[in-house]
N, C-alpha and C. Protein backbone atom coordinates (compact mmCIF):
# COMPACT_ATOMS: atom_id res chain seq x y z
N MET A 1 0.94 -1.18 0.00
CA MET A 1 -0.12 -0.08 0.10
C MET A 1 0.95 1.14 -0.04
N LYS A 2 0.70 2.14 -0.81
CA LYS A 2 1.43 3.60 -0.80
C LYS A 2 1.11 4.21 0.46
N PRO A 3 2.29 5.12 0.80
CA PRO A 3 2.12 5.85 2.05
C PRO A 3 0.97 6.81 2.24
N LYS A 4 0.91 7.53 1.06
CA LYS A 4 -0.34 8.18 1.01
C LYS A 4 -1.81 7.59 1.20
N ARG A 5 -1.83 6.57 0.49
CA ARG A 5 -3.16 5.96 0.78
C ARG A 5 -3.32 5.09 2.24
N LEU A 6 -2.03 4.77 2.83
CA LEU A 6 -2.16 4.29 4.19
C LEU A 6 -2.45 5.58 4.97
N ALA A 7 -2.02 6.61 4.97
CA ALA A 7 -2.30 7.65 5.77
C ALA A 7 -3.76 7.99 5.64
N THR A 8 -4.39 7.97 4.59
CA THR A 8 -5.66 8.32 4.50
C THR A 8 -6.42 7.41 5.19
N CYS A 9 -6.13 6.20 5.15
CA CYS A 9 -6.88 4.98 5.89
C CYS A 9 -6.80 5.28 7.17
N LEU A 10 -5.87 5.33 7.66
CA LEU A 10 -5.79 5.59 9.16
C LEU A 10 -6.57 6.84 9.57
N VAL A 11 -6.32 8.05 8.99
CA VAL A 11 -7.30 8.94 9.47
C VAL A 11 -8.76 8.59 9.47
N ALA A 12 -9.12 8.02 8.35
CA ALA A 12 -10.27 7.62 8.03
C ALA A 12 -10.95 6.62 9.53
N GLY A 13 -10.16 5.86 9.66
CA GLY A 13 -10.45 4.65 10.57
C GLY A 13 -10.39 5.35 12.07
N ALA A 14 -9.44 6.71 12.36
CA ALA A 14 -9.31 7.28 13.40
C ALA A 14 -10.81 7.90 13.67
N ALA A 15 -11.16 8.62 12.52
CA ALA A 15 -12.48 9.52 12.76
C ALA A 15 -13.58 8.82 12.76
N LEU A 16 -13.52 7.53 12.17
CA LEU A 16 -14.69 6.57 12.40
C LEU A 16 -14.85 6.15 13.80
N ALA A 17 -13.89 5.45 14.59
CA ALA A 17 -13.64 5.09 15.77
C ALA A 17 -14.19 6.27 16.94
N ILE A 18 -13.58 7.27 16.70
CA ILE A 18 -14.17 8.61 17.49
C ILE A 18 -15.49 8.89 17.33
N ALA A 19 -16.10 8.83 15.90
CA ALA A 19 -17.44 9.25 15.88
C ALA A 19 -18.58 7.76 16.35
N ALA A 20 -18.09 6.67 16.58
CA ALA A 20 -18.65 5.44 17.02
C ALA A 20 -18.58 5.37 18.60
N ALA A 21 -17.69 6.18 19.08
CA ALA A 21 -17.44 6.03 20.92
C ALA A 21 -18.72 6.61 21.36
N PRO A 22 -19.17 5.68 22.39
CA PRO A 22 -20.34 6.23 23.01
C PRO A 22 -20.11 7.44 24.06
N VAL A 23 -20.94 8.23 24.09
CA VAL A 23 -20.80 9.71 24.81
C VAL A 23 -21.16 8.96 26.35
N ALA A 24 -19.95 9.52 27.13
CA ALA A 24 -20.02 9.21 28.32
C ALA A 24 -20.95 10.05 29.01
N ALA A 25 -21.95 9.79 30.15
CA ALA A 25 -22.89 10.24 30.81
C ALA A 25 -22.26 10.80 31.88
N GLY A 26 -22.29 12.28 32.10
CA GLY A 26 -21.78 12.97 33.31
C GLY A 26 -22.60 12.55 34.74
N ASP A 27 -22.02 12.86 35.49
CA ASP A 27 -22.46 12.29 36.88
C ASP A 27 -23.37 13.63 37.03
N PRO A 28 -24.36 13.40 37.78
CA PRO A 28 -25.59 14.66 38.21
C PRO A 28 -24.86 15.62 38.90
N ALA A 29 -25.10 16.86 38.49
CA ALA A 29 -24.93 18.12 38.91
C ALA A 29 -25.13 18.14 40.35
N PHE A 30 -24.11 18.59 41.31
CA PHE A 30 -24.42 18.77 42.87
C PHE A 30 -25.18 20.39 42.66
N PRO A 31 -26.35 20.12 43.34
CA PRO A 31 -26.91 21.59 43.69
C PRO A 31 -26.16 22.54 44.17
N THR A 32 -26.66 23.66 43.74
CA THR A 32 -25.68 25.08 44.11
C THR A 32 -26.99 25.86 44.92
N ALA A 33 -26.43 26.15 46.16
CA ALA A 33 -27.22 26.99 47.36
C ALA A 33 -27.96 28.15 46.78
N GLY A 34 -29.22 28.14 46.84
CA GLY A 34 -30.06 29.41 46.36
C GLY A 34 -30.60 29.10 45.06
N ASN A 35 -30.50 28.38 43.97
CA ASN A 35 -31.04 28.14 42.46
C ASN A 35 -32.32 27.54 42.67
N GLU A 36 -32.73 26.96 43.88
CA GLU A 36 -34.02 26.47 43.86
C GLU A 36 -34.67 26.39 45.16
N SER A 37 -36.06 25.94 45.75
CA SER A 37 -36.09 25.87 46.76
C SER A 37 -35.47 24.80 47.61
N ALA A 38 -35.69 25.05 49.02
CA ALA A 38 -35.15 24.04 49.94
C ALA A 38 -35.60 22.47 49.47
N SER A 39 -36.64 22.31 49.34
CA SER A 39 -37.32 21.10 49.10
C SER A 39 -36.82 20.43 48.10
N ALA A 40 -36.81 21.26 46.94
CA ALA A 40 -36.22 20.85 45.42
C ALA A 40 -34.67 20.42 45.88
N THR A 41 -33.71 21.23 46.49
CA THR A 41 -32.64 20.65 46.56
C THR A 41 -32.35 19.78 47.28
N ILE A 42 -33.05 19.38 48.44
CA ILE A 42 -32.94 18.40 49.27
C ILE A 42 -33.16 16.76 48.43
N GLY A 43 -34.56 17.08 47.60
CA GLY A 43 -34.86 16.13 46.64
C GLY A 43 -33.83 15.88 45.50
N ASP A 44 -33.10 16.73 45.36
CA ASP A 44 -32.22 16.37 44.23
C ASP A 44 -30.80 15.80 45.01
N LEU A 45 -30.41 16.06 46.18
CA LEU A 45 -29.43 15.61 46.87
C LEU A 45 -29.88 13.92 47.18
N GLN A 46 -31.11 13.95 47.53
CA GLN A 46 -31.36 12.42 47.88
C GLN A 46 -31.39 11.52 46.75
N ALA A 47 -32.10 11.94 45.65
CA ALA A 47 -32.17 11.34 44.36
C ALA A 47 -30.98 10.92 43.96
N GLN A 48 -29.52 11.54 44.05
CA GLN A 48 -28.56 11.23 44.01
C GLN A 48 -27.72 10.12 45.05
N GLY A 49 -28.35 9.88 46.09
CA GLY A 49 -28.08 9.04 47.00
C GLY A 49 -27.63 9.60 48.46
N PHE A 50 -27.64 10.68 48.63
CA PHE A 50 -26.95 11.43 49.69
C PHE A 50 -28.16 11.22 50.75
N THR A 51 -27.45 11.14 52.22
CA THR A 51 -28.39 11.37 53.18
C THR A 51 -28.12 12.90 53.59
N VAL A 52 -29.34 13.47 53.81
CA VAL A 52 -29.54 14.80 53.87
C VAL A 52 -30.08 15.32 55.57
N THR A 53 -29.16 16.02 56.20
CA THR A 53 -29.46 16.79 57.14
C THR A 53 -29.80 18.21 57.18
N VAL A 54 -31.06 18.78 57.52
CA VAL A 54 -31.44 20.09 57.57
C VAL A 54 -30.96 20.67 58.79
N ASN A 55 -30.36 21.94 58.39
CA ASN A 55 -29.97 22.92 59.72
C ASN A 55 -30.72 24.01 59.40
N TYR A 56 -31.76 24.33 60.37
CA TYR A 56 -32.29 25.50 60.26
C TYR A 56 -31.65 26.63 60.62
N LEU A 57 -31.26 27.46 59.78
CA LEU A 57 -30.54 28.95 60.33
C LEU A 57 -31.45 29.97 60.82
N GLN A 58 -32.57 30.33 60.20
CA GLN A 58 -33.56 31.13 60.60
C GLN A 58 -34.91 30.63 60.36
N GLY A 59 -35.98 31.26 61.01
CA GLY A 59 -37.41 30.74 60.88
C GLY A 59 -37.56 29.37 61.68
N HIS A 60 -38.81 28.85 61.18
CA HIS A 60 -39.39 27.86 62.34
C HIS A 60 -39.52 26.57 61.17
N PRO A 61 -38.93 25.30 61.71
CA PRO A 61 -39.18 24.03 60.95
C PRO A 61 -40.43 23.61 60.76
N ASN A 62 -41.56 24.37 61.22
CA ASN A 62 -42.89 24.08 60.92
C ASN A 62 -43.43 24.69 59.42
N VAL A 63 -42.59 25.47 58.78
CA VAL A 63 -42.89 26.14 57.83
C VAL A 63 -42.38 24.94 56.46
N PRO A 64 -43.19 24.84 55.56
CA PRO A 64 -43.06 23.90 54.46
C PRO A 64 -41.73 24.27 53.52
N LEU A 65 -40.58 23.28 53.55
CA LEU A 65 -39.40 23.61 52.85
C LEU A 65 -39.64 24.16 51.46
N THR A 66 -40.84 23.95 50.85
CA THR A 66 -41.00 24.76 49.49
C THR A 66 -40.74 26.34 49.72
N GLU A 67 -40.97 26.83 50.94
CA GLU A 67 -40.90 28.15 51.38
C GLU A 67 -39.60 28.78 51.80
N CYS A 68 -38.96 27.86 51.90
CA CYS A 68 -37.45 27.99 52.36
C CYS A 68 -36.33 28.05 51.16
N ARG A 69 -35.44 28.80 51.58
CA ARG A 69 -34.33 28.76 50.71
C ARG A 69 -33.18 28.23 51.16
N VAL A 70 -32.16 27.57 50.55
CA VAL A 70 -31.04 27.19 50.86
C VAL A 70 -29.78 28.23 51.06
N ASN A 71 -29.21 28.25 52.19
CA ASN A 71 -28.11 29.40 52.24
C ASN A 71 -26.73 28.46 52.30
N GLY A 72 -26.69 27.20 52.36
CA GLY A 72 -25.52 26.57 52.18
C GLY A 72 -25.50 25.20 52.04
N ILE A 73 -24.71 24.55 51.35
CA ILE A 73 -24.70 22.88 51.23
C ILE A 73 -23.40 22.33 51.58
N ASN A 74 -23.07 21.74 52.74
CA ASN A 74 -21.71 21.28 53.27
C ASN A 74 -21.83 19.67 53.17
N ASN A 75 -20.79 19.22 52.42
CA ASN A 75 -20.38 17.85 52.00
C ASN A 75 -19.07 17.74 52.51
N PRO A 76 -18.98 17.04 53.87
CA PRO A 76 -17.67 16.95 54.35
C PRO A 76 -17.00 15.65 53.92
N SER A 77 -17.32 15.15 52.99
CA SER A 77 -16.64 13.77 52.39
C SER A 77 -15.81 14.08 51.40
N SER A 78 -14.92 13.29 50.84
CA SER A 78 -14.06 13.43 49.84
C SER A 78 -14.80 13.14 48.71
N PRO A 79 -14.39 14.11 47.35
CA PRO A 79 -15.03 13.75 46.26
C PRO A 79 -15.33 12.43 45.59
N SER A 80 -14.40 11.48 45.95
CA SER A 80 -14.30 10.11 45.67
C SER A 80 -15.34 9.14 46.50
N ALA A 81 -15.78 9.79 47.52
CA ALA A 81 -16.83 8.98 48.49
C ALA A 81 -18.18 8.39 47.63
N SER A 82 -18.55 7.44 47.93
CA SER A 82 -19.73 7.14 47.26
C SER A 82 -21.13 7.73 47.98
N PRO A 83 -21.89 8.51 47.45
CA PRO A 83 -22.92 9.17 48.00
C PRO A 83 -23.77 8.37 49.01
N SER A 84 -23.86 7.20 48.89
CA SER A 84 -24.60 6.39 49.96
C SER A 84 -24.23 6.22 51.23
N THR A 85 -22.82 6.62 51.07
CA THR A 85 -22.22 6.66 52.47
C THR A 85 -21.59 8.17 53.09
N VAL A 86 -22.49 9.06 52.29
CA VAL A 86 -22.23 10.43 52.80
C VAL A 86 -23.50 11.24 53.38
N THR A 87 -23.36 11.91 54.44
CA THR A 87 -24.49 12.96 54.87
C THR A 87 -23.96 14.27 54.54
N VAL A 88 -24.98 14.95 53.72
CA VAL A 88 -24.54 16.30 53.48
C VAL A 88 -25.44 17.10 54.31
N TYR A 89 -25.27 18.13 54.84
CA TYR A 89 -25.78 19.26 55.66
C TYR A 89 -26.56 20.42 54.89
N VAL A 90 -27.77 20.80 54.77
CA VAL A 90 -28.27 21.59 54.00
C VAL A 90 -28.72 22.78 54.95
N ASP A 91 -28.17 24.00 55.10
CA ASP A 91 -28.40 25.19 55.74
C ASP A 91 -29.67 25.79 55.02
N VAL A 92 -30.79 26.13 55.77
CA VAL A 92 -31.98 26.42 54.99
C VAL A 92 -32.34 28.03 55.91
N LEU A 93 -32.81 28.80 55.25
CA LEU A 93 -33.23 29.95 55.74
C LEU A 93 -34.99 29.92 55.40
N CYS A 94 -35.98 30.06 56.68
CA CYS A 94 -37.18 29.93 56.25
C CYS A 94 -37.95 31.23 56.69
N PRO A 95 -39.06 31.46 56.28
CA PRO A 95 -39.72 32.73 57.02
C PRO A 95 -40.43 32.36 58.40
N ASN A 96 -40.91 33.09 59.15
CA ASN A 96 -41.32 32.83 60.40
C ASN A 96 -42.89 32.23 60.15
N ALA A 97 -43.34 31.43 61.15
CA ALA A 97 -44.45 30.66 60.94
C ALA A 97 -45.72 31.65 60.73
N LYS A 98 -46.36 31.17 59.79
CA LYS A 98 -47.85 31.90 59.75
C LYS A 98 -48.88 32.12 60.77
């Protein structure tokens, strides 16, 4: 096989391999404090497998979490830890009881 033809075949083969490679699914995004209600943030974390503890920084715990906002999310574990072994602490600010 001529060198030019061999190079063309190698380039075509590499392009085909890249195109046929499966797209890797990324890990679910870790929620950011304040982007959604406390209820939604806690639900997202639980859906990822974390155990969640709520720290009420302001307001009353008898107010629905849908009315509260997240002030901070504390994950004391290493990034490589399995979510099922981790407790995440969510700091919430709630309005006063109605």
